[in-house]
Amino acid sequence: MLKITPNPKFDAVVNVPVPGEKKAEKLTVTFKYMNTTARDAFLKAMNDQPKIDALMGIIEGWQGVDADFSREVLENLLTNYAGLDTLLFKAFFDEHHKALLGN
């Protein structure tokens, strides 16, 4: 049954390429759900803030990392894995769009 208000958070798998490894590591990220109004406001504000602040605004936690979710650990991951920020934003928006398309 379709809920009037979706769950406030959702999980998405992000495949993170690891230098020197043949296969990507799977990172399960728990994102905060945003309705269309909140998502539009987030997109407008996103250009005026550091990527780390934008990501902290949408990520609730994760599984598949050898440390608990925190700003410091996220900053380290973004420094050590080029393009991870893009993969995280893509997973967040892809899941929202998938939901709009009916999964």
N, C-alpha and C. Protein backbone atom coordinates (compact mmCIF):
# COMPACT_ATOMS: atom_id res chain seq x y z
N MET A 1 0.84 -1.17 0.00
CA MET A 1 0.00 0.00 0.00
C MET A 1 0.89 1.24 0.00
N LEU A 2 0.50 2.22 -0.76
CA LEU A 2 1.24 3.47 -0.85
C LEU A 2 0.99 4.31 0.39
N LYS A 3 2.06 4.73 1.04
CA LYS A 3 1.94 5.56 2.24
C LYS A 3 1.82 7.03 1.81
N ILE A 4 0.98 7.76 2.50
CA ILE A 4 0.86 9.19 2.25
C ILE A 4 2.20 9.88 2.51
N THR A 5 2.84 9.49 3.59
CA THR A 5 4.14 10.04 3.94
C THR A 5 5.15 8.89 3.94
N PRO A 6 6.14 8.95 3.04
CA PRO A 6 7.15 7.88 2.98
C PRO A 6 7.96 7.80 4.27
N ASN A 7 8.66 6.70 4.42
CA ASN A 7 9.56 6.52 5.57
C ASN A 7 10.55 7.68 5.62
N PRO A 8 10.93 8.13 6.81
CA PRO A 8 11.82 9.28 6.92
C PRO A 8 13.27 8.99 6.53
N LYS A 9 13.59 7.74 6.33
CA LYS A 9 14.94 7.39 5.87
C LYS A 9 14.88 6.14 5.01
N PHE A 10 15.91 5.96 4.20
CA PHE A 10 15.98 4.81 3.30
C PHE A 10 17.43 4.44 3.07
N ASP A 11 17.65 3.19 2.71
CA ASP A 11 19.00 2.69 2.44
C ASP A 11 19.24 2.59 0.94
N ALA A 12 20.48 2.83 0.55
CA ALA A 12 20.90 2.67 -0.83
C ALA A 12 22.32 2.11 -0.82
N VAL A 13 22.60 1.21 -1.76
CA VAL A 13 23.95 0.64 -1.88
C VAL A 13 24.75 1.49 -2.85
N VAL A 14 25.95 1.85 -2.42
CA VAL A 14 26.88 2.62 -3.24
C VAL A 14 28.10 1.74 -3.47
N ASN A 15 28.42 1.50 -4.73
CA ASN A 15 29.60 0.71 -5.08
C ASN A 15 30.79 1.65 -5.20
N VAL A 16 31.74 1.49 -4.29
CA VAL A 16 32.88 2.40 -4.22
C VAL A 16 34.10 1.73 -4.83
N PRO A 17 34.60 2.26 -5.96
CA PRO A 17 35.83 1.72 -6.54
C PRO A 17 37.00 1.91 -5.58
N VAL A 18 37.81 0.87 -5.44
CA VAL A 18 38.97 0.92 -4.55
C VAL A 18 40.22 0.78 -5.41
N PRO A 19 41.12 1.75 -5.35
CA PRO A 19 42.33 1.66 -6.15
C PRO A 19 43.08 0.35 -5.90
N GLY A 20 43.45 -0.32 -6.98
CA GLY A 20 44.21 -1.57 -6.89
C GLY A 20 43.36 -2.81 -6.71
N GLU A 21 42.07 -2.64 -6.52
CA GLU A 21 41.17 -3.79 -6.33
C GLU A 21 40.36 -4.01 -7.60
N LYS A 22 40.03 -5.27 -7.87
CA LYS A 22 39.28 -5.59 -9.08
C LYS A 22 37.79 -5.30 -8.94
N LYS A 23 37.28 -5.36 -7.72
CA LYS A 23 35.86 -5.08 -7.56
C LYS A 23 35.65 -3.97 -6.53
N ALA A 24 34.53 -3.29 -6.70
CA ALA A 24 34.19 -2.19 -5.80
C ALA A 24 33.71 -2.74 -4.46
N GLU A 25 33.87 -1.93 -3.43
CA GLU A 25 33.33 -2.27 -2.11
C GLU A 25 31.91 -1.74 -2.02
N LYS A 26 31.03 -2.52 -1.40
CA LYS A 26 29.64 -2.10 -1.25
C LYS A 26 29.49 -1.34 0.08
N LEU A 27 28.97 -0.14 -0.04
CA LEU A 27 28.70 0.71 1.10
C LEU A 27 27.18 0.92 1.14
N THR A 28 26.54 0.52 2.22
CA THR A 28 25.11 0.76 2.38
C THR A 28 24.93 2.04 3.18
N VAL A 29 24.31 3.02 2.55
CA VAL A 29 24.15 4.33 3.16
C VAL A 29 22.69 4.54 3.53
N THR A 30 22.46 5.03 4.73
CA THR A 30 21.11 5.40 5.15
C THR A 30 20.96 6.89 4.92
N PHE A 31 20.04 7.23 4.02
CA PHE A 31 19.77 8.61 3.67
C PHE A 31 18.50 9.10 4.34
N LYS A 32 18.42 10.41 4.52
CA LYS A 32 17.20 11.04 5.01
C LYS A 32 16.30 11.31 3.80
N TYR A 33 15.04 10.92 3.91
CA TYR A 33 14.09 11.19 2.85
C TYR A 33 13.75 12.68 2.83
N MET A 34 13.58 13.24 1.62
CA MET A 34 13.12 14.63 1.47
C MET A 34 11.96 14.64 0.49
N ASN A 35 10.91 15.35 0.85
CA ASN A 35 9.83 15.52 -0.11
C ASN A 35 10.29 16.49 -1.20
N THR A 36 9.47 16.71 -2.19
CA THR A 36 9.91 17.53 -3.33
C THR A 36 10.24 18.96 -2.92
N THR A 37 9.49 19.52 -2.00
CA THR A 37 9.76 20.89 -1.55
C THR A 37 11.10 20.97 -0.84
N ALA A 38 11.36 20.04 0.06
CA ALA A 38 12.63 20.02 0.78
C ALA A 38 13.79 19.73 -0.16
N ARG A 39 13.57 18.83 -1.13
CA ARG A 39 14.63 18.49 -2.08
C ARG A 39 14.97 19.69 -2.96
N ASP A 40 13.97 20.44 -3.39
CA ASP A 40 14.22 21.65 -4.20
C ASP A 40 15.03 22.67 -3.41
N ALA A 41 14.67 22.86 -2.14
CA ALA A 41 15.40 23.80 -1.28
C ALA A 41 16.84 23.32 -1.06
N PHE A 42 16.99 22.01 -0.88
CA PHE A 42 18.32 21.43 -0.70
C PHE A 42 19.18 21.68 -1.94
N LEU A 43 18.61 21.46 -3.12
CA LEU A 43 19.36 21.68 -4.36
C LEU A 43 19.79 23.13 -4.50
N LYS A 44 18.92 24.06 -4.16
CA LYS A 44 19.27 25.48 -4.26
C LYS A 44 20.38 25.84 -3.28
N ALA A 45 20.32 25.30 -2.08
CA ALA A 45 21.32 25.60 -1.05
C ALA A 45 22.63 24.86 -1.28
N MET A 46 22.56 23.75 -2.00
CA MET A 46 23.73 22.89 -2.19
C MET A 46 24.91 23.63 -2.82
N ASN A 47 24.64 24.52 -3.75
CA ASN A 47 25.72 25.23 -4.44
C ASN A 47 26.42 26.24 -3.56
N ASP A 48 25.77 26.63 -2.46
CA ASP A 48 26.33 27.66 -1.59
C ASP A 48 26.99 27.09 -0.33
N GLN A 49 27.18 25.78 -0.30
CA GLN A 49 27.78 25.18 0.90
C GLN A 49 28.82 24.14 0.50
N PRO A 50 29.76 23.86 1.38
CA PRO A 50 30.73 22.81 1.09
C PRO A 50 30.04 21.46 0.91
N LYS A 51 30.61 20.62 0.07
CA LYS A 51 30.03 19.29 -0.19
C LYS A 51 29.83 18.50 1.10
N ILE A 52 30.77 18.61 2.01
CA ILE A 52 30.66 17.85 3.26
C ILE A 52 29.41 18.27 4.03
N ASP A 53 29.08 19.56 4.04
CA ASP A 53 27.88 20.02 4.73
C ASP A 53 26.62 19.48 4.06
N ALA A 54 26.61 19.49 2.73
CA ALA A 54 25.46 18.96 2.00
C ALA A 54 25.29 17.47 2.28
N LEU A 55 26.38 16.73 2.26
CA LEU A 55 26.30 15.29 2.52
C LEU A 55 25.87 15.00 3.96
N MET A 56 26.35 15.77 4.90
CA MET A 56 25.93 15.58 6.30
C MET A 56 24.43 15.86 6.45
N GLY A 57 23.90 16.69 5.58
CA GLY A 57 22.47 16.99 5.63
C GLY A 57 21.58 15.89 5.10
N ILE A 58 22.15 14.95 4.33
CA ILE A 58 21.32 13.90 3.74
C ILE A 58 21.66 12.49 4.24
N ILE A 59 22.83 12.32 4.84
CA ILE A 59 23.23 10.99 5.30
C ILE A 59 22.95 10.83 6.79
N GLU A 60 22.32 9.71 7.10
CA GLU A 60 21.97 9.40 8.49
C GLU A 60 22.99 8.42 9.10
N GLY A 61 23.57 7.57 8.27
CA GLY A 61 24.51 6.57 8.75
C GLY A 61 24.93 5.65 7.62
N TRP A 62 25.69 4.60 7.98
CA TRP A 62 26.14 3.66 6.94
C TRP A 62 26.50 2.32 7.54
N GLN A 63 26.66 1.35 6.64
CA GLN A 63 27.18 0.03 6.96
C GLN A 63 28.20 -0.30 5.87
N GLY A 64 29.25 -0.99 6.26
CA GLY A 64 30.27 -1.37 5.29
C GLY A 64 31.52 -0.51 5.35
N VAL A 65 31.63 0.30 6.38
CA VAL A 65 32.82 1.13 6.62
C VAL A 65 33.40 0.67 7.95
N ASP A 66 34.72 0.68 8.05
CA ASP A 66 35.35 0.19 9.28
C ASP A 66 35.37 1.22 10.41
N ALA A 67 34.46 2.17 10.35
CA ALA A 67 34.30 3.18 11.42
C ALA A 67 32.85 3.66 11.42
N ASP A 68 32.39 4.09 12.57
CA ASP A 68 31.04 4.63 12.67
C ASP A 68 30.93 5.92 11.87
N PHE A 69 29.70 6.22 11.44
CA PHE A 69 29.44 7.44 10.69
C PHE A 69 29.71 8.67 11.54
N SER A 70 30.48 9.58 10.99
CA SER A 70 30.72 10.88 11.61
C SER A 70 31.23 11.82 10.53
N ARG A 71 31.19 13.08 10.81
CA ARG A 71 31.70 14.08 9.85
C ARG A 71 33.18 13.82 9.55
N GLU A 72 33.95 13.56 10.59
CA GLU A 72 35.39 13.35 10.42
C GLU A 72 35.68 12.14 9.54
N VAL A 73 34.98 11.04 9.79
CA VAL A 73 35.21 9.83 8.98
C VAL A 73 34.75 10.07 7.54
N LEU A 74 33.62 10.75 7.36
CA LEU A 74 33.16 11.06 6.00
C LEU A 74 34.19 11.93 5.28
N GLU A 75 34.73 12.92 5.95
CA GLU A 75 35.78 13.77 5.34
C GLU A 75 36.98 12.93 4.92
N ASN A 76 37.39 11.99 5.76
CA ASN A 76 38.51 11.12 5.42
C ASN A 76 38.19 10.26 4.19
N LEU A 77 36.98 9.71 4.15
CA LEU A 77 36.60 8.90 2.99
C LEU A 77 36.60 9.73 1.71
N LEU A 78 36.05 10.95 1.79
CA LEU A 78 36.01 11.81 0.61
C LEU A 78 37.42 12.17 0.14
N THR A 79 38.33 12.31 1.08
CA THR A 79 39.73 12.62 0.73
C THR A 79 40.41 11.41 0.10
N ASN A 80 40.11 10.22 0.60
CA ASN A 80 40.80 9.01 0.16
C ASN A 80 40.20 8.33 -1.06
N TYR A 81 38.94 8.62 -1.37
CA TYR A 81 38.27 7.96 -2.50
C TYR A 81 37.71 9.02 -3.44
N ALA A 82 38.47 9.31 -4.48
CA ALA A 82 38.08 10.33 -5.45
C ALA A 82 36.73 10.00 -6.07
N GLY A 83 35.86 10.98 -6.12
CA GLY A 83 34.56 10.81 -6.73
C GLY A 83 33.49 10.23 -5.82
N LEU A 84 33.83 9.93 -4.57
CA LEU A 84 32.86 9.35 -3.66
C LEU A 84 31.69 10.31 -3.41
N ASP A 85 31.98 11.60 -3.33
CA ASP A 85 30.90 12.57 -3.12
C ASP A 85 29.86 12.47 -4.24
N THR A 86 30.33 12.36 -5.46
CA THR A 86 29.42 12.24 -6.60
C THR A 86 28.59 10.97 -6.51
N LEU A 87 29.22 9.86 -6.14
CA LEU A 87 28.50 8.59 -6.00
C LEU A 87 27.43 8.68 -4.92
N LEU A 88 27.73 9.35 -3.82
CA LEU A 88 26.76 9.49 -2.74
C LEU A 88 25.57 10.35 -3.15
N PHE A 89 25.85 11.50 -3.78
CA PHE A 89 24.75 12.35 -4.25
C PHE A 89 23.90 11.61 -5.29
N LYS A 90 24.56 10.89 -6.19
CA LYS A 90 23.84 10.15 -7.22
C LYS A 90 22.92 9.11 -6.61
N ALA A 91 23.41 8.36 -5.62
CA ALA A 91 22.59 7.35 -4.97
C ALA A 91 21.37 7.99 -4.29
N PHE A 92 21.58 9.11 -3.64
CA PHE A 92 20.49 9.82 -2.96
C PHE A 92 19.41 10.22 -3.96
N PHE A 93 19.81 10.87 -5.04
CA PHE A 93 18.82 11.35 -6.01
C PHE A 93 18.23 10.20 -6.84
N ASP A 94 19.04 9.20 -7.16
CA ASP A 94 18.51 8.04 -7.90
C ASP A 94 17.41 7.34 -7.12
N GLU A 95 17.59 7.17 -5.83
CA GLU A 95 16.58 6.52 -5.01
C GLU A 95 15.29 7.33 -4.96
N HIS A 96 15.41 8.64 -4.87
CA HIS A 96 14.22 9.49 -4.89
C HIS A 96 13.49 9.36 -6.24
N HIS A 97 14.25 9.38 -7.31
CA HIS A 97 13.63 9.28 -8.64
C HIS A 97 13.05 7.90 -8.87
N LYS A 98 13.74 6.89 -8.39
CA LYS A 98 13.22 5.52 -8.50
C LYS A 98 11.87 5.42 -7.81
N ALA A 99 11.77 6.04 -6.65
CA ALA A 99 10.51 6.02 -5.91
C ALA A 99 9.42 6.75 -6.71
N LEU A 100 9.80 7.84 -7.36
CA LEU A 100 8.81 8.57 -8.18
C LEU A 100 8.35 7.75 -9.37
N LEU A 101 9.24 6.88 -9.89
CA LEU A 101 8.89 6.05 -11.04
C LEU A 101 8.20 4.76 -10.64
N GLY A 102 8.00 4.57 -9.35
CA GLY A 102 7.31 3.37 -8.89
C GLY A 102 8.23 2.20 -8.67
N ASN A 103 9.49 2.46 -8.33
CA ASN A 103 10.50 1.43 -8.06
C ASN A 103 10.67 0.60 -9.30
